[in-house]
C-alpha atoms as a PDB file:
ATOM      1  CA  UNK A   1     106.195 -23.027  69.514  1.00  0.00           C
ATOM      2  CA  UNK A   2     106.870 -24.275  65.969  1.00  0.00           C
ATOM      3  CA  UNK A   3     103.791 -24.043  63.677  1.00  0.00           C
ATOM      4  CA  UNK A   4     102.589 -27.345  62.188  1.00  0.00           C
ATOM      5  CA  UNK A   5     103.283 -26.171  58.629  1.00  0.00           C
ATOM      6  CA  UNK A   6     106.911 -25.477  59.522  1.00  0.00           C
ATOM      7  CA  UNK A   7     107.211 -28.843  61.288  1.00  0.00           C
ATOM      8  CA  UNK A   8     105.992 -30.505  58.087  1.00  0.00           C
ATOM      9  CA  UNK A   9     108.627 -28.666  56.061  1.00  0.00           C
ATOM     10  CA  UNK A  10     111.436 -29.564  58.475  1.00  0.00           C
ATOM     11  CA  UNK A  11     110.356 -33.228  58.526  1.00  0.00           C
ATOM     12  CA  UNK A  12     110.003 -33.490  54.740  1.00  0.00           C
ATOM     13  CA  UNK A  13     113.302 -31.642  54.212  1.00  0.00           C
ATOM     14  CA  UNK A  14     115.056 -34.194  56.441  1.00  0.00           C
ATOM     15  CA  UNK A  15     113.407 -37.118  54.604  1.00  0.00           C
ATOM     16  CA  UNK A  16     114.516 -35.642  51.275  1.00  0.00           C
ATOM     17  CA  UNK A  17     118.053 -35.264  52.602  1.00  0.00           C
ATOM     18  CA  UNK A  18     118.114 -38.935  53.613  1.00  0.00           C
ATOM     19  CA  UNK A  19     116.635 -40.055  50.269  1.00  0.00           C
ATOM     20  CA  UNK A  20     119.285 -37.990  48.452  1.00  0.00           C
ATOM     21  CA  UNK A  21     121.949 -39.923  50.361  1.00  0.00           C
ATOM     22  CA  UNK A  22     120.170 -43.143  49.357  1.00  0.00           C
ATOM     23  CA  UNK A  23     120.299 -41.914  45.749  1.00  0.00           C
ATOM     24  CA  UNK A  24     124.067 -41.475  46.074  1.00  0.00           C
ATOM     25  CA  UNK A  25     124.190 -45.017  47.517  1.00  0.00           C
ATOM     26  CA  UNK A  26     122.264 -46.299  44.491  1.00  0.00           C
ATOM     27  CA  UNK A  27     124.626 -44.434  42.166  1.00  0.00           C
ATOM     28  CA  UNK A  28     127.616 -45.934  43.987  1.00  0.00           C
ATOM     29  CA  UNK A  29     126.210 -49.452  43.507  1.00  0.00           C
ATOM     30  CA  UNK A  30     125.726 -48.705  39.808  1.00  0.00           C
ATOM     31  CA  UNK A  31     129.312 -47.460  39.555  1.00  0.00           C
ATOM     32  CA  UNK A  32     130.903 -50.346  41.464  1.00  0.00           C
ATOM     33  CA  UNK A  33     128.993 -53.020  39.519  1.00  0.00           C
ATOM     34  CA  UNK A  34     129.609 -51.402  36.133  1.00  0.00           C
ATOM     35  CA  UNK A  35     125.876 -50.988  35.553  1.00  0.00           C
ATOM     36  CA  UNK A  36     126.009 -47.425  34.270  1.00  0.00           C
ATOM     37  CA  UNK A  37     125.124 -48.548  30.760  1.00  0.00           C
ATOM     38  CA  UNK A  38     122.539 -51.088  31.952  1.00  0.00           C
ATOM     39  CA  UNK A  39     119.932 -48.855  30.366  1.00  0.00           C
ATOM     40  CA  UNK A  40     121.356 -47.530  27.074  1.00  0.00           C
ATOM     41  CA  UNK A  41     118.662 -44.856  26.660  1.00  0.00           C
ATOM     42  CA  UNK A  42     117.116 -42.221  28.924  1.00  0.00           C
ATOM     43  CA  UNK A  43     114.650 -41.564  30.578  1.00  0.00           C
ATOM     44  CA  UNK A  44     113.129 -44.900  29.554  1.00  0.00           C
ATOM     45  CA  UNK A  45     115.079 -48.140  29.746  1.00  0.00           C
ATOM     46  CA  UNK A  46     115.178 -50.000  26.431  1.00  0.00           C
ATOM     47  CA  UNK A  47     112.226 -47.844  25.368  1.00  0.00           C
ATOM     48  CA  UNK A  48     110.179 -49.234  28.259  1.00  0.00           C
ATOM     49  CA  UNK A  49     108.972 -47.764  31.534  1.00  0.00           C
ATOM     50  CA  UNK A  50     109.464 -51.201  33.116  1.00  0.00           C
ATOM     51  CA  UNK A  51     112.675 -52.676  31.663  1.00  0.00           C
ATOM     52  CA  UNK A  52     112.919 -56.173  30.201  1.00  0.00           C
ATOM     53  CA  UNK A  53     114.194 -59.188  32.097  1.00  0.00           C
ATOM     54  CA  UNK A  54     115.324 -61.167  29.060  1.00  0.00           C
ATOM     55  CA  UNK A  55     117.069 -60.369  25.786  1.00  0.00           C
ATOM     56  CA  UNK A  56     114.170 -62.126  24.034  1.00  0.00           C
ATOM     57  CA  UNK A  57     112.014 -59.106  24.873  1.00  0.00           C
ATOM     58  CA  UNK A  58     114.241 -56.847  22.770  1.00  0.00           C
ATOM     59  CA  UNK A  59     114.341 -56.358  18.991  1.00  0.00           C
ATOM     60  CA  UNK A  60     117.247 -57.985  17.164  1.00  0.00           C
ATOM     61  CA  UNK A  61     118.755 -54.650  16.121  1.00  0.00           C
ATOM     62  CA  UNK A  62     118.595 -53.083  19.598  1.00  0.00           C
ATOM     63  CA  UNK A  63     122.380 -52.600  19.808  1.00  0.00           C
ATOM     64  CA  UNK A  64     122.626 -50.573  16.584  1.00  0.00           C
ATOM     65  CA  UNK A  65     119.536 -48.582  17.501  1.00  0.00           C
ATOM     66  CA  UNK A  66     120.853 -47.369  20.848  1.00  0.00           C
ATOM     67  CA  UNK A  67     124.344 -46.664  19.524  1.00  0.00           C
ATOM     68  CA  UNK A  68     122.792 -44.449  16.824  1.00  0.00           C
ATOM     69  CA  UNK A  69     120.713 -42.671  19.468  1.00  0.00           C
ATOM     70  CA  UNK A  70     123.773 -42.047  21.635  1.00  0.00           C
ATOM     71  CA  UNK A  71     125.762 -40.669  18.711  1.00  0.00           C
ATOM     72  CA  UNK A  72     122.934 -38.269  17.829  1.00  0.00           C
ATOM     73  CA  UNK A  73     122.561 -37.036  21.419  1.00  0.00           C
ATOM     74  CA  UNK A  74     126.324 -36.601  21.782  1.00  0.00           C
ATOM     75  CA  UNK A  75     126.451 -34.507  18.635  1.00  0.00           C
ATOM     76  CA  UNK A  76     123.874 -32.150  20.152  1.00  0.00           C
ATOM     77  CA  UNK A  77     125.930 -32.019  23.350  1.00  0.00           C
ATOM     78  CA  UNK A  78     129.104 -31.350  21.359  1.00  0.00           C
ATOM     79  CA  UNK A  79     127.392 -28.496  19.484  1.00  0.00           C
ATOM     80  CA  UNK A  80     126.436 -26.959  22.829  1.00  0.00           C
ATOM     81  CA  UNK A  81     130.048 -27.230  24.017  1.00  0.00           C
ATOM     82  CA  UNK A  82     131.194 -25.582  20.760  1.00  0.00           C
ATOM     83  CA  UNK A  83     128.985 -22.584  21.522  1.00  0.00           C
ATOM     84  CA  UNK A  84     130.499 -22.408  25.025  1.00  0.00           C
ATOM     85  CA  UNK A  85     134.004 -22.248  23.517  1.00  0.00           C
ATOM     86  CA  UNK A  86     134.907 -25.813  24.565  1.00  0.00           C
ATOM     87  CA  UNK A  87     135.849 -26.983  21.077  1.00  0.00           C
ATOM     88  CA  UNK A  88     138.561 -29.413  22.234  1.00  0.00           C
ATOM     89  CA  UNK A  89     136.161 -31.131  24.627  1.00  0.00           C
ATOM     90  CA  UNK A  90     133.477 -31.250  21.935  1.00  0.00           C
ATOM     91  CA  UNK A  91     135.878 -32.832  19.438  1.00  0.00           C
ATOM     92  CA  UNK A  92     136.975 -35.434  21.994  1.00  0.00           C
ATOM     93  CA  UNK A  93     133.336 -36.472  22.419  1.00  0.00           C
ATOM     94  CA  UNK A  94     132.791 -36.654  18.648  1.00  0.00           C
ATOM     95  CA  UNK A  95     135.836 -38.873  18.195  1.00  0.00           C
ATOM     96  CA  UNK A  96     135.343 -41.109  21.232  1.00  0.00           C
ATOM     97  CA  UNK A  97     135.087 -44.560  19.664  1.00  0.00           C
ATOM     98  CA  UNK A  98     133.912 -46.180  22.893  1.00  0.00           C
ATOM     99  CA  UNK A  99     130.541 -44.493  22.330  1.00  0.00           C
ATOM    100  CA  UNK A 100     130.003 -46.594  19.202  1.00  0.00           C
ATOM    101  CA  UNK A 101     130.662 -49.884  20.998  1.00  0.00           C
ATOM    102  CA  UNK A 102     127.275 -51.552  21.593  1.00  0.00           C
ATOM    103  CA  UNK A 103     126.314 -52.768  25.062  1.00  0.00           C
ATOM    104  CA  UNK A 104     125.073 -56.337  25.456  1.00  0.00           C
ATOM    105  CA  UNK A 105     121.920 -56.816  27.495  1.00  0.00           C
ATOM    106  CA  UNK A 106     122.483 -57.840  31.118  1.00  0.00           C
ATOM    107  CA  UNK A 107     119.323 -58.094  33.220  1.00  0.00           C
ATOM    108  CA  UNK A 108     121.101 -57.571  36.556  1.00  0.00           C
ATOM    109  CA  UNK A 109     122.865 -54.420  35.349  1.00  0.00           C
ATOM    110  CA  UNK A 110     119.688 -53.147  33.694  1.00  0.00           C
ATOM    111  CA  UNK A 111     117.656 -53.427  36.873  1.00  0.00           C
ATOM    112  CA  UNK A 112     120.466 -51.990  39.013  1.00  0.00           C
ATOM    113  CA  UNK A 113     120.510 -48.868  36.833  1.00  0.00           C
ATOM    114  CA  UNK A 114     116.698 -48.796  36.709  1.00  0.00           C
ATOM    115  CA  UNK A 115     116.420 -48.814  40.524  1.00  0.00           C
ATOM    116  CA  UNK A 116     118.929 -45.953  40.575  1.00  0.00           C
ATOM    117  CA  UNK A 117     116.661 -44.013  38.207  1.00  0.00           C
ATOM    118  CA  UNK A 118     113.577 -44.750  40.299  1.00  0.00           C
ATOM    119  CA  UNK A 119     115.394 -43.420  43.368  1.00  0.00           C
ATOM    120  CA  UNK A 120     116.282 -40.311  41.373  1.00  0.00           C
ATOM    121  CA  UNK A 121     112.642 -39.852  40.383  1.00  0.00           C
ATOM    122  CA  UNK A 122     111.549 -40.213  44.016  1.00  0.00           C
ATOM    123  CA  UNK A 123     114.104 -37.554  44.999  1.00  0.00           C
ATOM    124  CA  UNK A 124     112.710 -35.252  42.326  1.00  0.00           C
ATOM    125  CA  UNK A 125     109.126 -35.601  43.579  1.00  0.00           C
ATOM    126  CA  UNK A 126     110.244 -35.015  47.154  1.00  0.00           C
ATOM    127  CA  UNK A 127     112.074 -31.836  46.102  1.00  0.00           C
ATOM    128  CA  UNK A 128     108.893 -30.614  44.418  1.00  0.00           C
ATOM    129  CA  UNK A 129     107.004 -31.201  47.672  1.00  0.00           C
ATOM    130  CA  UNK A 130     109.741 -29.446  49.672  1.00  0.00           C
ATOM    131  CA  UNK A 131     109.524 -26.456  47.332  1.00  0.00           C
ATOM    132  CA  UNK A 132     105.748 -26.257  47.761  1.00  0.00           C
ATOM    133  CA  UNK A 133     106.018 -26.431  51.556  1.00  0.00           C
ATOM    134  CA  UNK A 134     108.842 -23.870  51.566  1.00  0.00           C
ATOM    135  CA  UNK A 135     106.287 -21.126  50.826  1.00  0.00           C
ATOM    136  CA  UNK A 136     105.303 -21.475  54.489  1.00  0.00           C
ATOM    137  CA  UNK A 137     108.298 -19.161  55.081  1.00  0.00           C
ATOM    138  CA  UNK A 138     107.324 -16.449  52.588  1.00  0.00           C
ATOM    139  CA  UNK A 139     106.936 -13.864  55.355  1.00  0.00           C
ATOM    140  CA  UNK A 140     109.880 -14.798  57.607  1.00  0.00           C
ATOM    141  CA  UNK A 141     112.609 -16.639  55.642  1.00  0.00           C
ATOM    142  CA  UNK A 142     112.481 -16.142  51.889  1.00  0.00           C
ATOM    143  CA  UNK A 143     115.949 -17.648  51.499  1.00  0.00           C
ATOM    144  CA  UNK A 144     114.405 -21.059  52.259  1.00  0.00           C
ATOM    145  CA  UNK A 145     112.038 -20.607  49.309  1.00  0.00           C
ATOM    146  CA  UNK A 146     114.824 -19.418  47.002  1.00  0.00           C
ATOM    147  CA  UNK A 147     117.131 -22.294  47.930  1.00  0.00           C
ATOM    148  CA  UNK A 148     114.347 -24.884  47.632  1.00  0.00           C
ATOM    149  CA  UNK A 149     113.489 -23.627  44.142  1.00  0.00           C
ATOM    150  CA  UNK A 150     117.195 -23.652  43.238  1.00  0.00           C
ATOM    151  CA  UNK A 151     117.451 -27.279  44.372  1.00  0.00           C
ATOM    152  CA  UNK A 152     114.467 -28.148  42.214  1.00  0.00           C
ATOM    153  CA  UNK A 153     116.249 -26.699  39.174  1.00  0.00           C
ATOM    154  CA  UNK A 154     119.374 -28.564  40.247  1.00  0.00           C
ATOM    155  CA  UNK A 155     117.646 -31.945  40.225  1.00  0.00           C
ATOM    156  CA  UNK A 156     116.261 -31.242  36.738  1.00  0.00           C
ATOM    157  CA  UNK A 157     119.768 -30.350  35.555  1.00  0.00           C
ATOM    158  CA  UNK A 158     121.111 -33.466  37.283  1.00  0.00           C
ATOM    159  CA  UNK A 159     118.572 -35.595  35.424  1.00  0.00           C
ATOM    160  CA  UNK A 160     119.682 -34.070  32.115  1.00  0.00           C
ATOM    161  CA  UNK A 161     123.329 -34.555  33.063  1.00  0.00           C
ATOM    162  CA  UNK A 162     122.520 -38.164  33.918  1.00  0.00           C
ATOM    163  CA  UNK A 163     121.303 -38.630  30.358  1.00  0.00           C
ATOM    164  CA  UNK A 164     124.633 -37.209  29.131  1.00  0.00           C
ATOM    165  CA  UNK A 165     126.499 -39.637  31.403  1.00  0.00           C
ATOM    166  CA  UNK A 166     124.651 -42.471  29.662  1.00  0.00           C
ATOM    167  CA  UNK A 167     125.013 -41.142  26.113  1.00  0.00           C
ATOM    168  CA  UNK A 168     128.751 -40.410  26.504  1.00  0.00           C
ATOM    169  CA  UNK A 169     129.352 -43.887  27.911  1.00  0.00           C
ATOM    170  CA  UNK A 170     130.352 -42.562  31.360  1.00  0.00           C
ATOM    171  CA  UNK A 171     132.608 -39.744  30.140  1.00  0.00           C
ATOM    172  CA  UNK A 172     135.008 -39.087  33.032  1.00  0.00           C
ATOM    173  CA  UNK A 173     134.601 -35.337  33.654  1.00  0.00           C
ATOM    174  CA  UNK A 174     130.812 -35.534  33.249  1.00  0.00           C
ATOM    175  CA  UNK A 175     130.674 -38.179  35.998  1.00  0.00           C
ATOM    176  CA  UNK A 176     132.746 -35.894  38.260  1.00  0.00           C
ATOM    177  CA  UNK A 177     130.472 -32.887  37.643  1.00  0.00           C
ATOM    178  CA  UNK A 178     127.464 -35.137  38.306  1.00  0.00           C
ATOM    179  CA  UNK A 179     128.941 -36.047  41.713  1.00  0.00           C
ATOM    180  CA  UNK A 180     129.825 -32.459  42.641  1.00  0.00           C
ATOM    181  CA  UNK A 181     126.308 -31.253  41.852  1.00  0.00           C
ATOM    182  CA  UNK A 182     124.960 -33.968  44.137  1.00  0.00           C
ATOM    183  CA  UNK A 183     127.079 -32.438  46.924  1.00  0.00           C
ATOM    184  CA  UNK A 184     125.611 -28.997  46.172  1.00  0.00           C
ATOM    185  CA  UNK A 185     122.101 -30.438  46.457  1.00  0.00           C
ATOM    186  CA  UNK A 186     123.014 -32.035  49.782  1.00  0.00           C
ATOM    187  CA  UNK A 187     124.465 -28.756  51.057  1.00  0.00           C
ATOM    188  CA  UNK A 188     121.271 -26.872  50.175  1.00  0.00           C
ATOM    189  CA  UNK A 189     119.104 -29.447  51.961  1.00  0.00           C
ATOM    190  CA  UNK A 190     121.362 -29.342  55.027  1.00  0.00           C
ATOM    191  CA  UNK A 191     121.255 -25.546  55.094  1.00  0.00           C
ATOM    192  CA  UNK A 192     117.474 -25.230  54.696  1.00  0.00           C
ATOM    193  CA  UNK A 193     116.961 -27.859  57.415  1.00  0.00           C
ATOM    194  CA  UNK A 194     119.364 -26.053  59.743  1.00  0.00           C
ATOM    195  CA  UNK A 195     117.968 -22.581  59.023  1.00  0.00           C
ATOM    196  CA  UNK A 196     114.337 -23.646  59.444  1.00  0.00           C
ATOM    197  CA  UNK A 197     115.181 -25.116  62.857  1.00  0.00           C
ATOM    198  CA  UNK A 198     117.302 -22.145  63.899  1.00  0.00           C
ATOM    199  CA  UNK A 199     114.327 -19.789  63.548  1.00  0.00           C
ATOM    200  CA  UNK A 200     112.942 -21.243  66.772  1.00  0.00           C
ATOM    201  CA  UNK A 201     116.187 -21.816  68.699  1.00  0.00           C
ATOM    202  CA  UNK A 202     118.497 -19.543  70.606  1.00  0.00           C
ATOM    203  CA  UNK A 203     122.155 -19.630  69.521  1.00  0.00           C
ATOM    204  CA  UNK A 204     124.472 -21.832  71.579  1.00  0.00           C
ATOM    205  CA  UNK A 205     126.700 -19.866  73.954  1.00  0.00           C
ATOM    206  CA  UNK A 206     130.165 -21.067  75.004  1.00  0.00           C
ATOM    207  CA  UNK A 207     132.816 -19.527  77.242  1.00  0.00           C
ATOM    208  CA  UNK A 208     135.695 -19.157  74.775  1.00  0.00           C
ATOM    209  CA  UNK A 209     135.833 -18.020  71.176  1.00  0.00           C
ATOM    210  CA  UNK A 210     135.341 -20.512  68.355  1.00  0.00           C
ATOM    211  CA  UNK A 211     136.990 -18.625  65.481  1.00  0.00           C
ATOM    212  CA  UNK A 212     139.721 -21.215  64.885  1.00  0.00           C
ATOM    213  CA  UNK A 213     137.216 -24.041  65.161  1.00  0.00           C
ATOM    214  CA  UNK A 214     135.191 -22.415  62.368  1.00  0.00           C
ATOM    215  CA  UNK A 215     138.327 -22.119  60.247  1.00  0.00           C
ATOM    216  CA  UNK A 216     139.326 -25.740  60.813  1.00  0.00           C
ATOM    217  CA  UNK A 217     135.859 -27.068  59.957  1.00  0.00           C
ATOM    218  CA  UNK A 218     135.730 -24.921  56.811  1.00  0.00           C
ATOM    219  CA  UNK A 219     139.146 -26.226  55.736  1.00  0.00           C
ATOM    220  CA  UNK A 220     138.027 -29.801  56.428  1.00  0.00           C
ATOM    221  CA  UNK A 221     134.945 -29.215  54.261  1.00  0.00           C
ATOM    222  CA  UNK A 222     137.073 -28.009  51.353  1.00  0.00           C
ATOM    223  CA  UNK A 223     139.433 -30.962  51.766  1.00  0.00           C
ATOM    224  CA  UNK A 224     136.514 -33.404  51.871  1.00  0.00           C
ATOM    225  CA  UNK A 225     135.255 -32.079  48.538  1.00  0.00           C
ATOM    226  CA  UNK A 226     138.779 -32.289  47.120  1.00  0.00           C
ATOM    227  CA  UNK A 227     139.052 -35.866  48.396  1.00  0.00           C
ATOM    228  CA  UNK A 228     135.798 -36.790  46.658  1.00  0.00           C
ATOM    229  CA  UNK A 229     137.087 -35.277  43.398  1.00  0.00           C
ATOM    230  CA  UNK A 230     140.390 -37.132  43.732  1.00  0.00           C
ATOM    231  CA  UNK A 231     138.526 -40.324  44.570  1.00  0.00           C
ATOM    232  CA  UNK A 232     136.423 -39.893  41.446  1.00  0.00           C
ATOM    233  CA  UNK A 233     139.578 -39.443  39.376  1.00  0.00           C
ATOM    234  CA  UNK A 234     141.094 -42.565  40.963  1.00  0.00           C
ATOM    235  CA  UNK A 235     137.961 -44.469  40.002  1.00  0.00           C
ATOM    236  CA  UNK A 236     138.136 -43.106  36.438  1.00  0.00           C
ATOM    237  CA  UNK A 237     141.782 -44.209  36.169  1.00  0.00           C
ATOM    238  CA  UNK A 238     140.834 -47.675  37.406  1.00  0.00           C
ATOM    239  CA  UNK A 239     138.040 -47.868  34.816  1.00  0.00           C
ATOM    240  CA  UNK A 240     140.541 -47.118  32.063  1.00  0.00           C
ATOM    241  CA  UNK A 241     143.107 -49.604  33.393  1.00  0.00           C
ATOM    242  CA  UNK A 242     140.519 -52.361  33.832  1.00  0.00           C
ATOM    243  CA  UNK A 243     139.291 -51.904  30.251  1.00  0.00           C
ATOM    244  CA  UNK A 244     142.836 -52.065  28.889  1.00  0.00           C
ATOM    245  CA  UNK A 245     143.461 -55.280  30.830  1.00  0.00           C
ATOM    246  CA  UNK A 246     140.109 -56.752  29.741  1.00  0.00           C
ATOM    247  CA  UNK A 247     139.044 -56.745  33.405  1.00  0.00           C
ATOM    248  CA  UNK A 248     141.750 -59.288  34.259  1.00  0.00           C
ATOM    249  CA  UNK A 249     144.663 -59.049  36.755  1.00  0.00           C
ATOM    250  CA  UNK A 250     142.536 -57.070  39.224  1.00  0.00           C
ATOM    251  CA  UNK A 251     145.273 -57.185  41.873  1.00  0.00           C
ATOM    252  CA  UNK A 252     147.529 -55.042  39.633  1.00  0.00           C
ATOM    253  CA  UNK A 253     145.112 -52.194  38.978  1.00  0.00           C
ATOM    254  CA  UNK A 254     146.024 -49.987  41.950  1.00  0.00           C
ATOM    255  CA  UNK A 255     149.732 -50.257  41.187  1.00  0.00           C
ATOM    256  CA  UNK A 256     149.120 -48.875  37.702  1.00  0.00           C
ATOM    257  CA  UNK A 257     147.111 -45.799  38.763  1.00  0.00           C
ATOM    258  CA  UNK A 258     150.065 -43.476  39.333  1.00  0.00           C
ATOM    259  CA  UNK A 259     150.418 -40.320  41.417  1.00  0.00           C
ATOM    260  CA  UNK A 260     146.704 -39.572  41.732  1.00  0.00           C
ATOM    261  CA  UNK A 261     146.298 -42.537  44.094  1.00  0.00           C
ATOM    262  CA  UNK A 262     149.216 -41.316  46.247  1.00  0.00           C
ATOM    263  CA  UNK A 263     147.664 -37.832  46.449  1.00  0.00           C
ATOM    264  CA  UNK A 264     144.320 -39.334  47.468  1.00  0.00           C
ATOM    265  CA  UNK A 265     145.921 -41.550  50.133  1.00  0.00           C
ATOM    266  CA  UNK A 266     148.186 -38.832  51.583  1.00  0.00           C
ATOM    267  CA  UNK A 267     145.408 -36.264  51.700  1.00  0.00           C
ATOM    268  CA  UNK A 268     143.237 -38.813  53.506  1.00  0.00           C
ATOM    269  CA  UNK A 269     145.855 -39.013  56.274  1.00  0.00           C
ATOM    270  CA  UNK A 270     145.855 -35.219  56.580  1.00  0.00           C
ATOM    271  CA  UNK A 271     142.038 -35.156  56.708  1.00  0.00           C
ATOM    272  CA  UNK A 272     142.029 -37.669  59.568  1.00  0.00           C
ATOM    273  CA  UNK A 273     144.587 -35.637  61.546  1.00  0.00           C
ATOM    274  CA  UNK A 274     142.697 -32.386  60.921  1.00  0.00           C
ATOM    275  CA  UNK A 275     139.411 -33.886  62.068  1.00  0.00           C
ATOM    276  CA  UNK A 276     141.118 -35.219  65.200  1.00  0.00           C
ATOM    277  CA  UNK A 277     142.004 -31.598  66.079  1.00  0.00           C
ATOM    278  CA  UNK A 278     138.442 -30.518  65.299  1.00  0.00           C
ATOM    279  CA  UNK A 279     137.039 -33.222  67.556  1.00  0.00           C
ATOM    280  CA  UNK A 280     139.325 -32.123  70.396  1.00  0.00           C
ATOM    281  CA  UNK A 281     138.142 -28.528  69.972  1.00  0.00           C
ATOM    282  CA  UNK A 282     134.489 -29.615  69.980  1.00  0.00           C
ATOM    283  CA  UNK A 283     134.987 -31.720  73.123  1.00  0.00           C
ATOM    284  CA  UNK A 284     136.618 -28.777  74.897  1.00  0.00           C
ATOM    285  CA  UNK A 285     133.950 -26.247  73.968  1.00  0.00           C
ATOM    286  CA  UNK A 286     130.705 -28.250  73.855  1.00  0.00           C
ATOM    287  CA  UNK A 287     129.769 -30.714  76.560  1.00  0.00           C
ATOM    288  CA  UNK A 288     126.942 -32.933  77.682  1.00  0.00           C
ATOM    289  CA  UNK A 289     124.254 -33.573  75.075  1.00  0.00           C
ATOM    290  CA  UNK A 290     125.178 -30.705  72.765  1.00  0.00           C
ATOM    291  CA  UNK A 291     124.320 -31.386  69.131  1.00  0.00           C
ATOM    292  CA  UNK A 292     127.808 -30.229  68.165  1.00  0.00           C
ATOM    293  CA  UNK A 293     129.388 -32.948  70.294  1.00  0.00           C
ATOM    294  CA  UNK A 294     127.036 -35.591  68.867  1.00  0.00           C
ATOM    295  CA  UNK A 295     128.029 -34.508  65.372  1.00  0.00           C
ATOM    296  CA  UNK A 296     131.688 -34.694  66.371  1.00  0.00           C
ATOM    297  CA  UNK A 297     131.181 -38.263  67.576  1.00  0.00           C
ATOM    298  CA  UNK A 298     129.399 -39.152  64.330  1.00  0.00           C
ATOM    299  CA  UNK A 299     132.228 -37.668  62.249  1.00  0.00           C
ATOM    300  CA  UNK A 300     134.767 -39.807  64.133  1.00  0.00           C
ATOM    301  CA  UNK A 301     132.708 -42.951  63.440  1.00  0.00           C
ATOM    302  CA  UNK A 302     132.383 -42.073  59.754  1.00  0.00           C
ATOM    303  CA  UNK A 303     136.128 -41.470  59.498  1.00  0.00           C
ATOM    304  CA  UNK A 304     136.783 -44.878  61.043  1.00  0.00           C
ATOM    305  CA  UNK A 305     134.545 -46.487  58.405  1.00  0.00           C
ATOM    306  CA  UNK A 306     136.341 -44.489  55.702  1.00  0.00           C
ATOM    307  CA  UNK A 307     139.758 -45.634  56.916  1.00  0.00           C
ATOM    308  CA  UNK A 308     138.631 -49.272  57.084  1.00  0.00           C
ATOM    309  CA  UNK A 309     137.013 -49.213  53.625  1.00  0.00           C
ATOM    310  CA  UNK A 310     140.051 -47.436  52.150  1.00  0.00           C
ATOM    311  CA  UNK A 311     142.376 -50.113  53.541  1.00  0.00           C
ATOM    312  CA  UNK A 312     140.106 -52.829  52.122  1.00  0.00           C
ATOM    313  CA  UNK A 313     140.186 -51.180  48.702  1.00  0.00           C
ATOM    314  CA  UNK A 314     143.968 -50.856  48.694  1.00  0.00           C
ATOM    315  CA  UNK A 315     144.736 -54.285  50.148  1.00  0.00           C
ATOM    316  CA  UNK A 316     142.115 -56.579  48.619  1.00  0.00           C
ATOM    317  CA  UNK A 317     141.935 -55.561  44.938  1.00  0.00           C
ATOM    318  CA  UNK A 318     139.050 -53.074  45.146  1.00  0.00           C
ATOM    319  CA  UNK A 319     136.108 -55.173  46.387  1.00  0.00           C
ATOM    320  CA  UNK A 320     132.849 -53.615  45.053  1.00  0.00           C
ATOM    321  CA  UNK A 321     131.182 -53.480  48.490  1.00  0.00           C
ATOM    322  CA  UNK A 322     134.089 -51.444  49.863  1.00  0.00           C
ATOM    323  CA  UNK A 323     133.817 -49.080  46.883  1.00  0.00           C
ATOM    324  CA  UNK A 324     130.170 -48.394  47.700  1.00  0.00           C
ATOM    325  CA  UNK A 325     130.867 -47.863  51.408  1.00  0.00           C
ATOM    326  CA  UNK A 326     133.828 -45.574  50.700  1.00  0.00           C
ATOM    327  CA  UNK A 327     131.878 -43.315  48.335  1.00  0.00           C
ATOM    328  CA  UNK A 328     128.680 -43.128  50.375  1.00  0.00           C
ATOM    329  CA  UNK A 329     130.453 -42.405  53.651  1.00  0.00           C
ATOM    330  CA  UNK A 330     132.512 -39.667  51.984  1.00  0.00           C
ATOM    331  CA  UNK A 331     129.250 -37.841  51.226  1.00  0.00           C
ATOM    332  CA  UNK A 332     127.939 -38.571  54.738  1.00  0.00           C
ATOM    333  CA  UNK A 333     131.156 -37.050  56.113  1.00  0.00           C
ATOM    334  CA  UNK A 334     130.635 -33.926  53.995  1.00  0.00           C
ATOM    335  CA  UNK A 335     127.017 -33.675  55.204  1.00  0.00           C
ATOM    336  CA  UNK A 336     127.952 -33.949  58.876  1.00  0.00           C
ATOM    337  CA  UNK A 337     130.857 -31.513  58.552  1.00  0.00           C
ATOM    338  CA  UNK A 338     128.702 -28.911  56.829  1.00  0.00           C
ATOM    339  CA  UNK A 339     125.991 -29.172  59.484  1.00  0.00           C
ATOM    340  CA  UNK A 340     128.617 -28.891  62.227  1.00  0.00           C
ATOM    341  CA  UNK A 341     130.036 -25.788  60.536  1.00  0.00           C
ATOM    342  CA  UNK A 342     126.595 -24.164  60.422  1.00  0.00           C
ATOM    343  CA  UNK A 343     126.040 -24.846  64.116  1.00  0.00           C
ATOM    344  CA  UNK A 344     129.477 -23.590  65.166  1.00  0.00           C
ATOM    345  CA  UNK A 345     129.186 -20.530  62.906  1.00  0.00           C
ATOM    346  CA  UNK A 346     126.088 -19.439  64.859  1.00  0.00           C
ATOM    347  CA  UNK A 347     127.669 -20.059  68.255  1.00  0.00           C
ATOM    348  CA  UNK A 348     128.036 -17.028  70.529  1.00  0.00           C
ATOM    349  CA  UNK A 349     130.684 -16.502  73.208  1.00  0.00           C
ATOM    350  CA  UNK A 350     130.637 -14.752  76.592  1.00  0.00           C
ATOM    351  CA  UNK A 351     133.768 -12.734  75.888  1.00  0.00           C
ATOM    352  CA  UNK A 352     132.840 -11.286  72.505  1.00  0.00           C
END
């Protein structure tokens, strides 16, 4: 029987996992609507805990003020990069003229970014609660405590990195690191949820070995992360192209991206084929109401959504809604694949 304290941890861990996915959804909406600079300062928004709804609520010199603040923060960031031996990167930040371009107030973009920040704050408080409840396992599973504390540090670092994203005016590689760290946080939450449940469950037993299934799922995980990185780079290329074209001629943007789009598209085809093999393996080895089979079904559905949203993006000039769906479901795919890997990894066989 599972103690009530452990049930509370498992439930809260799952809620936090879902809210983290919602946070990624909020970030995707910010990205697709170009609202990343809706709040030019951090952690407040226009120096207010509740942002303004009209430009009349702002001082006349607000543009110069926030540009000066960004420049100062970026200089501190550049000095830190200098100490890390990243002088070229630091110099590129110092000489990035886009940082000195003031942002005009837009209430819709401001509140879109603000809601994203509120979701981030909610995630942070939930991770604190998860860390507190993780001490339930101090005598039987200390790794849950360690990983929960690590995730708490991760969200603090993510918040700081979010401030750098704002101050550097969405510097490309910083946005990519921000996304990758979100995947790490998801992976930790998936693992602690899985491990806490596994303490009270017997391993699944199947007739034949699952070594190659483990390998295929692990490869698919790596490829999913690579696809997310490539997708982020495609988005960064589109941002640059759209700025150069003054956000006109939207139908030409994809054609100007170059090889990175071809890599992303071709790898997507390989990912679909690989996951088709994985699904066939799962169907052959796990039947009935097995969680592994349910996850396999969910992965197929997510891939179908990914294919549909990818075709919409390529064929209809990057509609913002499709951008959001494509990004969010890529992280959902990663989450499901990682959980499936953990389950299959623990599977035992009769003929071992």
